């Protein structure tokens, strides 16, 4: 059965086959373990109709590994933990709860999941995919905060896309000579 969400955005269609399999391995070699998990989580979420932004800053001093916006406007935060030490050094995660409807940990199959707190979701992932194995409880955001977060999500995603297309924004190619523009 084909997933209805894969073809939602025709903009993505030309890029699906753009990276040959051997290029994928070279890309993976550059990623840290947590970034590999984030990639797999983002792929999984996309198959579920979500859009995701990695290393999203919901508020000053906070940076979540993956922020996901669902097809019904739901906001999920996913923190990717690649090891016991990585998890134990995370002292900010509870500050993320007020910025999402559901909070998840994403770990690989070898992670000791008994370390993860109750009342949070769990996604098992690798660099290629993921799967929710424990749904996080829902704590709906207040409407004003949801609106603010969705706007911030959209602006951040659009700016990132723009930077990919134009890494040096500005007036590099001046349409007017310097004297005409003054």
N, C-alpha and C. Protein backbone atom coordinates (compact mmCIF):
# COMPACT_ATOMS: atom_id res chain seq x y z
N UNK A 1 0.84 -1.17 0.00
CA UNK A 1 0.00 0.00 0.00
C UNK A 1 0.89 1.24 0.00
N UNK A 2 0.68 2.11 -0.96
CA UNK A 2 1.50 3.32 -1.05
C UNK A 2 1.09 4.30 0.04
N UNK A 3 2.06 5.01 0.57
CA UNK A 3 1.77 5.98 1.62
C UNK A 3 1.31 7.28 0.98
N UNK A 4 0.16 7.77 1.42
CA UNK A 4 -0.42 8.97 0.83
C UNK A 4 0.40 10.22 1.07
N UNK A 5 1.26 10.22 2.07
CA UNK A 5 1.98 11.44 2.43
C UNK A 5 3.28 11.64 1.64
N UNK A 6 3.77 10.61 0.99
CA UNK A 6 5.07 10.73 0.32
C UNK A 6 5.06 11.74 -0.81
N UNK A 7 3.94 11.90 -1.50
CA UNK A 7 3.90 12.77 -2.66
C UNK A 7 3.14 14.06 -2.42
N UNK A 8 3.07 14.51 -1.17
CA UNK A 8 2.33 15.72 -0.87
C UNK A 8 2.94 16.96 -1.50
N UNK A 9 4.22 17.00 -1.64
CA UNK A 9 4.88 18.21 -2.11
C UNK A 9 5.65 17.90 -3.38
N UNK A 10 5.16 18.41 -4.50
CA UNK A 10 5.82 18.13 -5.77
C UNK A 10 7.22 18.70 -5.83
N UNK A 11 7.52 19.69 -4.98
CA UNK A 11 8.85 20.26 -4.94
C UNK A 11 9.89 19.19 -4.64
N UNK A 12 9.52 18.20 -3.82
CA UNK A 12 10.45 17.15 -3.43
C UNK A 12 10.71 16.14 -4.54
N UNK A 13 9.80 16.00 -5.48
CA UNK A 13 9.88 14.94 -6.47
C UNK A 13 11.23 14.86 -7.19
N UNK A 14 11.79 15.95 -7.70
CA UNK A 14 13.06 15.84 -8.42
C UNK A 14 14.23 15.41 -7.54
N UNK A 15 14.14 15.61 -6.24
CA UNK A 15 15.29 15.33 -5.38
C UNK A 15 15.31 13.91 -4.86
N UNK A 16 14.24 13.16 -5.02
CA UNK A 16 14.18 11.82 -4.43
C UNK A 16 15.29 10.92 -4.94
N UNK A 17 15.60 10.99 -6.20
CA UNK A 17 16.61 10.12 -6.79
C UNK A 17 17.93 10.85 -7.03
N UNK A 18 18.04 12.06 -6.53
CA UNK A 18 19.21 12.88 -6.83
C UNK A 18 20.50 12.36 -6.20
N UNK A 19 20.40 11.67 -5.07
CA UNK A 19 21.61 11.19 -4.39
C UNK A 19 21.75 9.70 -4.65
N UNK A 20 22.77 9.30 -5.40
CA UNK A 20 22.95 7.88 -5.65
C UNK A 20 23.30 7.15 -4.36
N UNK A 21 23.02 5.84 -4.29
CA UNK A 21 23.29 5.09 -3.05
C UNK A 21 24.71 5.26 -2.52
N UNK A 22 25.70 5.29 -3.41
CA UNK A 22 27.07 5.44 -2.92
C UNK A 22 27.30 6.82 -2.31
N UNK A 23 26.58 7.82 -2.78
CA UNK A 23 26.66 9.16 -2.21
C UNK A 23 26.05 9.21 -0.82
N UNK A 24 25.07 8.35 -0.59
CA UNK A 24 24.42 8.29 0.71
C UNK A 24 25.41 7.84 1.78
N UNK A 25 26.22 6.87 1.47
CA UNK A 25 27.21 6.38 2.44
C UNK A 25 28.24 7.46 2.75
N UNK A 26 28.63 8.22 1.76
CA UNK A 26 29.58 9.31 1.99
C UNK A 26 28.96 10.38 2.89
N UNK A 27 27.69 10.66 2.66
CA UNK A 27 26.98 11.62 3.51
C UNK A 27 26.91 11.13 4.94
N UNK A 28 26.56 9.87 5.12
CA UNK A 28 26.45 9.29 6.47
C UNK A 28 27.77 9.34 7.22
N UNK A 29 28.86 9.16 6.50
CA UNK A 29 30.18 9.16 7.14
C UNK A 29 30.49 10.51 7.79
N UNK A 30 29.88 11.57 7.30
CA UNK A 30 30.11 12.91 7.84
C UNK A 30 29.25 13.22 9.07
N UNK A 31 28.24 12.40 9.32
CA UNK A 31 27.30 12.67 10.41
C UNK A 31 27.72 12.03 11.72
N UNK A 32 27.45 12.73 12.81
CA UNK A 32 27.64 12.18 14.15
C UNK A 32 26.53 11.17 14.43
N UNK A 33 26.70 10.27 15.40
CA UNK A 33 25.67 9.26 15.68
C UNK A 33 24.28 9.85 15.94
N UNK A 34 24.19 10.92 16.69
CA UNK A 34 22.89 11.55 16.95
C UNK A 34 22.26 12.13 15.70
N UNK A 35 23.10 12.64 14.80
CA UNK A 35 22.60 13.18 13.53
C UNK A 35 22.08 12.07 12.63
N UNK A 36 22.70 10.90 12.70
CA UNK A 36 22.20 9.76 11.94
C UNK A 36 20.81 9.36 12.43
N UNK A 37 20.65 9.33 13.75
CA UNK A 37 19.33 9.02 14.31
C UNK A 37 18.31 10.07 13.86
N UNK A 38 18.68 11.34 13.91
CA UNK A 38 17.77 12.41 13.50
C UNK A 38 17.36 12.26 12.04
N UNK A 39 18.28 11.84 11.21
CA UNK A 39 17.96 11.62 9.80
C UNK A 39 16.92 10.52 9.64
N UNK A 40 17.14 9.39 10.32
CA UNK A 40 16.18 8.29 10.25
C UNK A 40 14.83 8.68 10.80
N UNK A 41 14.82 9.40 11.92
CA UNK A 41 13.57 9.88 12.51
C UNK A 41 12.85 10.80 11.53
N UNK A 42 13.57 11.71 10.91
CA UNK A 42 12.95 12.64 9.96
C UNK A 42 12.37 11.90 8.76
N UNK A 43 13.06 10.88 8.29
CA UNK A 43 12.54 10.07 7.18
C UNK A 43 11.24 9.38 7.60
N UNK A 44 11.25 8.79 8.79
CA UNK A 44 10.06 8.11 9.29
C UNK A 44 8.90 9.10 9.42
N UNK A 45 9.16 10.24 10.04
CA UNK A 45 8.11 11.23 10.23
C UNK A 45 7.54 11.71 8.90
N UNK A 46 8.39 11.87 7.92
CA UNK A 46 7.91 12.29 6.60
C UNK A 46 6.95 11.26 6.03
N UNK A 47 7.25 9.99 6.23
CA UNK A 47 6.35 8.94 5.73
C UNK A 47 5.00 8.97 6.45
N UNK A 48 4.96 9.61 7.61
CA UNK A 48 3.72 9.73 8.39
C UNK A 48 3.02 11.08 8.15
N UNK A 49 3.52 11.86 7.19
CA UNK A 49 2.90 13.13 6.85
C UNK A 49 3.40 14.32 7.64
N UNK A 50 4.46 14.15 8.40
CA UNK A 50 5.04 15.24 9.18
C UNK A 50 6.15 15.93 8.39
N UNK A 51 6.34 17.20 8.66
CA UNK A 51 7.53 17.92 8.20
C UNK A 51 8.42 18.08 9.43
N UNK A 52 9.72 18.02 9.24
CA UNK A 52 10.59 18.14 10.41
C UNK A 52 11.75 19.10 10.14
N UNK A 53 12.22 19.70 11.22
CA UNK A 53 13.38 20.58 11.18
C UNK A 53 14.32 20.09 12.27
N UNK A 54 15.55 19.83 11.88
CA UNK A 54 16.56 19.39 12.85
C UNK A 54 17.21 20.60 13.50
N UNK A 55 17.65 20.39 14.74
CA UNK A 55 18.31 21.44 15.53
C UNK A 55 17.49 22.73 15.55
N UNK A 56 16.25 22.59 15.93
CA UNK A 56 15.29 23.69 15.99
C UNK A 56 15.39 24.38 17.36
N UNK A 57 15.33 25.70 17.35
CA UNK A 57 15.42 26.49 18.58
C UNK A 57 14.03 27.04 18.91
N UNK A 58 13.31 26.40 19.85
CA UNK A 58 11.98 26.91 20.19
C UNK A 58 12.03 28.18 21.03
N UNK A 59 13.09 28.34 21.81
CA UNK A 59 13.26 29.52 22.66
C UNK A 59 14.75 29.68 22.96
N UNK A 60 15.13 30.87 23.34
CA UNK A 60 16.53 31.15 23.65
C UNK A 60 17.07 30.14 24.66
N UNK A 61 18.23 29.57 24.35
CA UNK A 61 18.87 28.62 25.26
C UNK A 61 18.45 27.18 25.08
N UNK A 62 17.51 26.92 24.17
CA UNK A 62 17.05 25.56 23.92
C UNK A 62 17.27 25.21 22.45
N UNK A 63 17.65 23.96 22.20
CA UNK A 63 17.78 23.49 20.82
C UNK A 63 17.39 22.02 20.81
N UNK A 64 16.28 21.72 20.16
CA UNK A 64 15.82 20.33 20.09
C UNK A 64 16.43 19.65 18.88
N UNK A 65 16.63 18.35 18.98
CA UNK A 65 17.23 17.61 17.86
C UNK A 65 16.30 17.61 16.65
N UNK A 66 15.02 17.30 16.87
CA UNK A 66 14.04 17.30 15.77
C UNK A 66 12.74 17.90 16.28
N UNK A 67 12.23 18.88 15.55
CA UNK A 67 10.88 19.41 15.79
C UNK A 67 10.07 18.98 14.59
N UNK A 68 8.91 18.40 14.84
CA UNK A 68 8.07 17.89 13.75
C UNK A 68 6.69 18.53 13.81
N UNK A 69 6.20 18.91 12.65
CA UNK A 69 4.87 19.49 12.49
C UNK A 69 4.02 18.49 11.73
N UNK A 70 2.95 18.02 12.37
CA UNK A 70 2.11 16.98 11.78
C UNK A 70 1.01 17.52 10.88
N UNK A 71 0.35 16.61 10.17
CA UNK A 71 -0.69 17.01 9.22
C UNK A 71 -1.90 17.67 9.87
N UNK A 72 -2.08 17.50 11.16
CA UNK A 72 -3.21 18.13 11.87
C UNK A 72 -2.73 19.29 12.74
N UNK A 73 -1.50 19.76 12.50
CA UNK A 73 -0.96 20.88 13.25
C UNK A 73 -0.32 20.50 14.57
N UNK A 74 -0.15 19.21 14.81
CA UNK A 74 0.47 18.78 16.06
C UNK A 74 1.98 19.02 16.00
N UNK A 75 2.56 19.31 17.16
CA UNK A 75 3.99 19.59 17.26
C UNK A 75 4.64 18.57 18.17
N UNK A 76 5.64 17.88 17.64
CA UNK A 76 6.36 16.87 18.41
C UNK A 76 7.81 17.30 18.53
N UNK A 77 8.40 17.04 19.69
CA UNK A 77 9.84 17.21 19.89
C UNK A 77 10.43 15.82 20.05
N UNK A 78 11.53 15.58 19.33
CA UNK A 78 12.23 14.30 19.41
C UNK A 78 13.69 14.58 19.74
N UNK A 79 14.15 14.03 20.85
CA UNK A 79 15.55 14.13 21.24
C UNK A 79 16.23 12.82 20.90
N UNK A 80 17.33 12.88 20.17
CA UNK A 80 18.06 11.70 19.70
C UNK A 80 19.24 11.44 20.63
N UNK A 81 19.28 10.26 21.19
CA UNK A 81 20.35 9.90 22.12
C UNK A 81 21.08 8.67 21.59
N UNK A 82 22.38 8.83 21.40
CA UNK A 82 23.18 7.77 20.78
C UNK A 82 23.89 6.89 21.80
N UNK A 83 23.87 7.27 23.08
CA UNK A 83 24.56 6.47 24.09
C UNK A 83 24.03 6.82 25.48
N UNK A 84 24.38 5.98 26.43
CA UNK A 84 24.03 6.23 27.83
C UNK A 84 24.60 7.58 28.28
N UNK A 85 25.87 7.83 27.96
CA UNK A 85 26.52 9.09 28.37
C UNK A 85 25.81 10.30 27.75
N UNK A 86 25.41 10.18 26.49
CA UNK A 86 24.70 11.25 25.80
C UNK A 86 23.39 11.55 26.54
N UNK A 87 22.66 10.52 26.91
CA UNK A 87 21.41 10.71 27.64
C UNK A 87 21.65 11.32 29.02
N UNK A 88 22.61 10.80 29.75
CA UNK A 88 22.85 11.26 31.12
C UNK A 88 23.37 12.69 31.18
N UNK A 89 23.96 13.16 30.10
CA UNK A 89 24.46 14.54 30.09
C UNK A 89 23.39 15.55 29.69
N UNK A 90 22.21 15.08 29.30
CA UNK A 90 21.12 15.97 28.87
C UNK A 90 20.34 16.46 30.09
N UNK A 91 20.56 17.71 30.45
CA UNK A 91 19.86 18.26 31.62
C UNK A 91 18.79 19.27 31.21
N UNK A 92 18.57 19.47 29.91
CA UNK A 92 17.61 20.47 29.46
C UNK A 92 16.30 19.89 28.95
N UNK A 93 16.20 18.58 28.82
CA UNK A 93 15.06 18.00 28.11
C UNK A 93 13.71 18.39 28.70
N UNK A 94 13.60 18.54 30.00
CA UNK A 94 12.30 18.88 30.59
C UNK A 94 11.85 20.29 30.18
N UNK A 95 12.80 21.14 29.82
CA UNK A 95 12.45 22.47 29.32
C UNK A 95 11.81 22.44 27.95
N UNK A 96 11.92 21.32 27.24
CA UNK A 96 11.33 21.20 25.91
C UNK A 96 9.84 20.87 25.97
N UNK A 97 9.37 20.34 27.10
CA UNK A 97 8.00 19.86 27.20
C UNK A 97 6.97 20.95 26.95
N UNK A 98 7.28 22.18 27.32
CA UNK A 98 6.32 23.27 27.15
C UNK A 98 6.23 23.78 25.71
N UNK A 99 7.02 23.21 24.80
CA UNK A 99 7.06 23.66 23.42
C UNK A 99 6.48 22.64 22.44
N UNK A 100 5.85 21.58 22.95
CA UNK A 100 5.35 20.53 22.06
C UNK A 100 4.10 19.88 22.63
N UNK A 101 3.38 19.18 21.76
CA UNK A 101 2.22 18.39 22.17
C UNK A 101 2.64 17.01 22.67
N UNK A 102 3.72 16.48 22.09
CA UNK A 102 4.23 15.17 22.48
C UNK A 102 5.76 15.23 22.46
N UNK A 103 6.37 14.51 23.41
CA UNK A 103 7.83 14.48 23.53
C UNK A 103 8.31 13.03 23.41
N UNK A 104 9.31 12.83 22.56
CA UNK A 104 9.86 11.50 22.31
C UNK A 104 11.37 11.48 22.48
N UNK A 105 11.86 10.31 22.84
CA UNK A 105 13.28 9.99 22.74
C UNK A 105 13.44 9.12 21.50
N UNK A 106 14.50 9.34 20.75
CA UNK A 106 14.84 8.45 19.63
C UNK A 106 16.19 7.83 19.95
N UNK A 107 16.23 6.51 19.91
CA UNK A 107 17.45 5.77 20.23
C UNK A 107 17.59 4.61 19.26
N UNK A 108 18.78 4.01 19.22
CA UNK A 108 18.94 2.82 18.37
C UNK A 108 18.58 1.57 19.17
N UNK A 109 18.57 0.43 18.51
CA UNK A 109 18.10 -0.81 19.14
C UNK A 109 18.99 -1.26 20.28
N UNK A 110 20.23 -0.80 20.35
CA UNK A 110 21.15 -1.22 21.42
C UNK A 110 21.10 -0.32 22.65
N UNK A 111 20.34 0.75 22.60
CA UNK A 111 20.28 1.69 23.71
C UNK A 111 19.52 1.06 24.88
N UNK A 112 19.99 1.27 26.12
CA UNK A 112 19.28 0.74 27.30
C UNK A 112 18.03 1.58 27.61
N UNK A 113 16.90 1.21 27.01
CA UNK A 113 15.68 2.02 27.09
C UNK A 113 15.11 2.13 28.50
N UNK A 114 15.54 1.27 29.41
CA UNK A 114 15.06 1.37 30.79
C UNK A 114 15.54 2.67 31.46
N UNK A 115 16.53 3.34 30.88
CA UNK A 115 17.00 4.64 31.40
C UNK A 115 16.01 5.77 31.12
N UNK A 116 15.21 5.61 30.09
CA UNK A 116 14.34 6.70 29.64
C UNK A 116 13.16 6.90 30.59
N UNK A 117 12.82 8.15 30.88
CA UNK A 117 11.75 8.44 31.84
C UNK A 117 10.38 7.96 31.36
N UNK A 118 9.56 7.54 32.32
CA UNK A 118 8.16 7.22 32.03
C UNK A 118 7.47 8.51 31.59
N UNK A 119 6.38 8.37 30.89
CA UNK A 119 5.62 9.54 30.48
C UNK A 119 6.19 10.26 29.28
N UNK A 120 7.12 9.60 28.57
CA UNK A 120 7.68 10.14 27.34
C UNK A 120 7.54 9.07 26.26
N UNK A 121 7.59 9.50 25.01
CA UNK A 121 7.49 8.55 23.91
C UNK A 121 8.84 7.98 23.55
N UNK A 122 8.80 6.92 22.75
CA UNK A 122 10.03 6.25 22.33
C UNK A 122 9.96 5.90 20.86
N UNK A 123 10.98 6.31 20.13
CA UNK A 123 11.14 5.96 18.72
C UNK A 123 12.44 5.19 18.59
N UNK A 124 12.37 3.99 18.03
CA UNK A 124 13.59 3.26 17.68
C UNK A 124 13.96 3.67 16.27
N UNK A 125 15.23 4.00 16.07
CA UNK A 125 15.64 4.55 14.78
C UNK A 125 17.06 4.14 14.43
N UNK A 126 17.37 4.29 13.16
CA UNK A 126 18.74 4.21 12.66
C UNK A 126 18.85 5.33 11.63
N UNK A 127 19.88 5.31 10.81
CA UNK A 127 20.09 6.40 9.86
C UNK A 127 19.08 6.39 8.71
N UNK A 128 18.33 5.30 8.57
CA UNK A 128 17.46 5.14 7.42
C UNK A 128 15.98 5.22 7.72
N UNK A 129 15.57 4.97 8.96
CA UNK A 129 14.15 4.91 9.27
C UNK A 129 13.96 4.93 10.79
N UNK A 130 12.74 4.88 11.21
CA UNK A 130 12.41 4.82 12.62
C UNK A 130 11.01 4.27 12.78
N UNK A 131 10.64 4.06 14.03
CA UNK A 131 9.29 3.57 14.33
C UNK A 131 8.94 3.94 15.77
N UNK A 132 7.73 4.45 15.96
CA UNK A 132 7.26 4.73 17.31
C UNK A 132 6.95 3.40 17.98
N UNK A 133 7.61 3.13 19.09
CA UNK A 133 7.32 1.91 19.85
C UNK A 133 6.55 2.23 21.14
N UNK A 134 6.58 3.49 21.55
CA UNK A 134 5.77 3.92 22.69
C UNK A 134 5.31 5.35 22.39
N UNK A 135 4.00 5.50 22.21
CA UNK A 135 3.45 6.82 21.92
C UNK A 135 3.55 7.71 23.16
N UNK A 136 3.99 8.92 22.93
CA UNK A 136 4.09 9.89 24.03
C UNK A 136 2.70 10.37 24.42
N UNK A 137 2.50 10.64 25.70
CA UNK A 137 1.22 11.22 26.10
C UNK A 137 1.07 12.62 25.49
N UNK A 138 -0.16 13.00 25.22
CA UNK A 138 -0.41 14.30 24.60
C UNK A 138 -0.69 15.35 25.67
N UNK A 139 0.01 16.46 25.55
CA UNK A 139 -0.22 17.65 26.37
C UNK A 139 -0.35 18.81 25.38
N UNK A 140 -1.57 19.10 24.97
CA UNK A 140 -1.79 20.10 23.92
C UNK A 140 -1.27 21.48 24.33
N UNK A 141 -0.60 22.09 23.37
CA UNK A 141 -0.12 23.46 23.57
C UNK A 141 -1.29 24.43 23.62
N UNK A 142 -1.16 25.51 24.37
CA UNK A 142 -2.18 26.57 24.31
C UNK A 142 -2.19 27.16 22.89
N UNK A 143 -3.36 27.59 22.40
CA UNK A 143 -3.48 28.08 21.02
C UNK A 143 -2.48 29.18 20.64
N UNK A 144 -2.23 30.14 21.52
CA UNK A 144 -1.30 31.23 21.19
C UNK A 144 0.13 30.70 21.01
N UNK A 145 0.54 29.77 21.87
CA UNK A 145 1.88 29.20 21.75
C UNK A 145 1.98 28.34 20.49
N UNK A 146 0.92 27.58 20.18
CA UNK A 146 0.92 26.76 18.97
C UNK A 146 1.11 27.65 17.74
N UNK A 147 0.35 28.73 17.68
CA UNK A 147 0.47 29.65 16.54
C UNK A 147 1.89 30.18 16.42
N UNK A 148 2.45 30.60 17.54
CA UNK A 148 3.81 31.14 17.55
C UNK A 148 4.81 30.08 17.07
N UNK A 149 4.65 28.84 17.54
CA UNK A 149 5.59 27.78 17.18
C UNK A 149 5.46 27.39 15.71
N UNK A 150 4.24 27.33 15.21
CA UNK A 150 4.06 26.98 13.79
C UNK A 150 4.65 28.07 12.91
N UNK A 151 4.46 29.33 13.27
CA UNK A 151 5.07 30.42 12.50
C UNK A 151 6.59 30.35 12.55
N UNK A 152 7.14 30.08 13.73
CA UNK A 152 8.60 29.97 13.88
C UNK A 152 9.12 28.79 13.07
N UNK A 153 8.40 27.68 13.11
CA UNK A 153 8.77 26.49 12.35
C UNK A 153 8.82 26.83 10.85
N UNK A 154 7.77 27.48 10.35
CA UNK A 154 7.69 27.83 8.93
C UNK A 154 8.82 28.79 8.53
N UNK A 155 9.06 29.80 9.34
CA UNK A 155 10.12 30.75 9.02
C UNK A 155 11.49 30.08 9.02
N UNK A 156 11.74 29.25 10.01
CA UNK A 156 13.03 28.56 10.10
C UNK A 156 13.23 27.63 8.90
N UNK A 157 12.20 26.87 8.56
CA UNK A 157 12.30 25.95 7.42
C UNK A 157 12.52 26.72 6.12
N UNK A 158 11.79 27.81 5.93
CA UNK A 158 11.94 28.60 4.71
C UNK A 158 13.33 29.22 4.61
N UNK A 159 13.84 29.73 5.72
CA UNK A 159 15.19 30.33 5.70
C UNK A 159 16.25 29.28 5.39
N UNK A 160 16.08 28.08 5.94
CA UNK A 160 17.05 27.02 5.65
C UNK A 160 17.03 26.65 4.18
N UNK A 161 15.84 26.56 3.61
CA UNK A 161 15.74 26.25 2.18
C UNK A 161 16.37 27.37 1.36
N UNK A 162 16.10 28.60 1.73
CA UNK A 162 16.68 29.73 1.01
C UNK A 162 18.21 29.70 1.08
N UNK A 163 18.77 29.36 2.26
CA UNK A 163 20.24 29.29 2.39
C UNK A 163 20.82 28.18 1.53
N UNK A 164 20.07 27.09 1.34
CA UNK A 164 20.56 26.04 0.45
C UNK A 164 20.64 26.54 -0.98
N UNK A 165 19.64 27.30 -1.38
CA UNK A 165 19.58 27.82 -2.75
C UNK A 165 20.55 28.98 -2.96
N UNK A 166 20.76 29.77 -1.91
CA UNK A 166 21.59 30.96 -2.02
C UNK A 166 22.41 31.12 -0.74
N UNK A 167 23.56 30.44 -0.66
CA UNK A 167 24.35 30.48 0.57
C UNK A 167 24.93 31.86 0.88
N UNK A 168 24.96 32.75 -0.10
CA UNK A 168 25.51 34.10 0.12
C UNK A 168 24.48 35.15 -0.23
N UNK A 169 23.43 35.25 0.59
CA UNK A 169 22.42 36.27 0.26
C UNK A 169 23.01 37.67 0.39
N UNK A 170 22.46 38.55 -0.36
CA UNK A 170 22.95 39.92 -0.30
C UNK A 170 23.00 40.51 -1.68
N UNK A 171 23.92 41.42 -1.87
CA UNK A 171 23.96 42.16 -3.13
C UNK A 171 25.21 41.83 -3.92
N UNK A 172 25.57 40.56 -3.97
CA UNK A 172 26.78 40.17 -4.71
C UNK A 172 26.70 40.54 -6.19
N UNK A 173 25.52 40.47 -6.77
CA UNK A 173 25.40 40.71 -8.20
C UNK A 173 24.74 42.02 -8.52
N UNK A 174 25.05 43.05 -7.80
CA UNK A 174 24.44 44.37 -7.92
C UNK A 174 23.80 44.64 -9.28
N UNK A 175 22.49 44.88 -9.26
CA UNK A 175 21.80 45.24 -10.49
C UNK A 175 22.15 46.67 -10.90
N UNK A 176 22.35 47.49 -9.93
CA UNK A 176 22.72 48.87 -10.19
C UNK A 176 24.18 49.06 -9.83
N UNK A 177 24.83 49.94 -10.51
CA UNK A 177 26.20 50.24 -10.10
C UNK A 177 26.13 50.95 -8.75
N UNK A 178 27.18 50.88 -7.96
CA UNK A 178 27.15 51.51 -6.63
C UNK A 178 26.70 52.97 -6.65
N UNK A 179 27.07 53.73 -7.67
CA UNK A 179 26.69 55.15 -7.71
C UNK A 179 25.20 55.32 -8.03
N UNK A 180 24.61 54.39 -8.82
CA UNK A 180 23.20 54.50 -9.16
C UNK A 180 22.29 54.14 -7.99
N UNK A 181 22.75 53.26 -7.12
CA UNK A 181 21.93 52.80 -6.01
C UNK A 181 21.89 53.77 -4.85
N UNK A 182 22.67 54.82 -4.88
CA UNK A 182 22.74 55.75 -3.74
C UNK A 182 21.76 56.88 -3.87
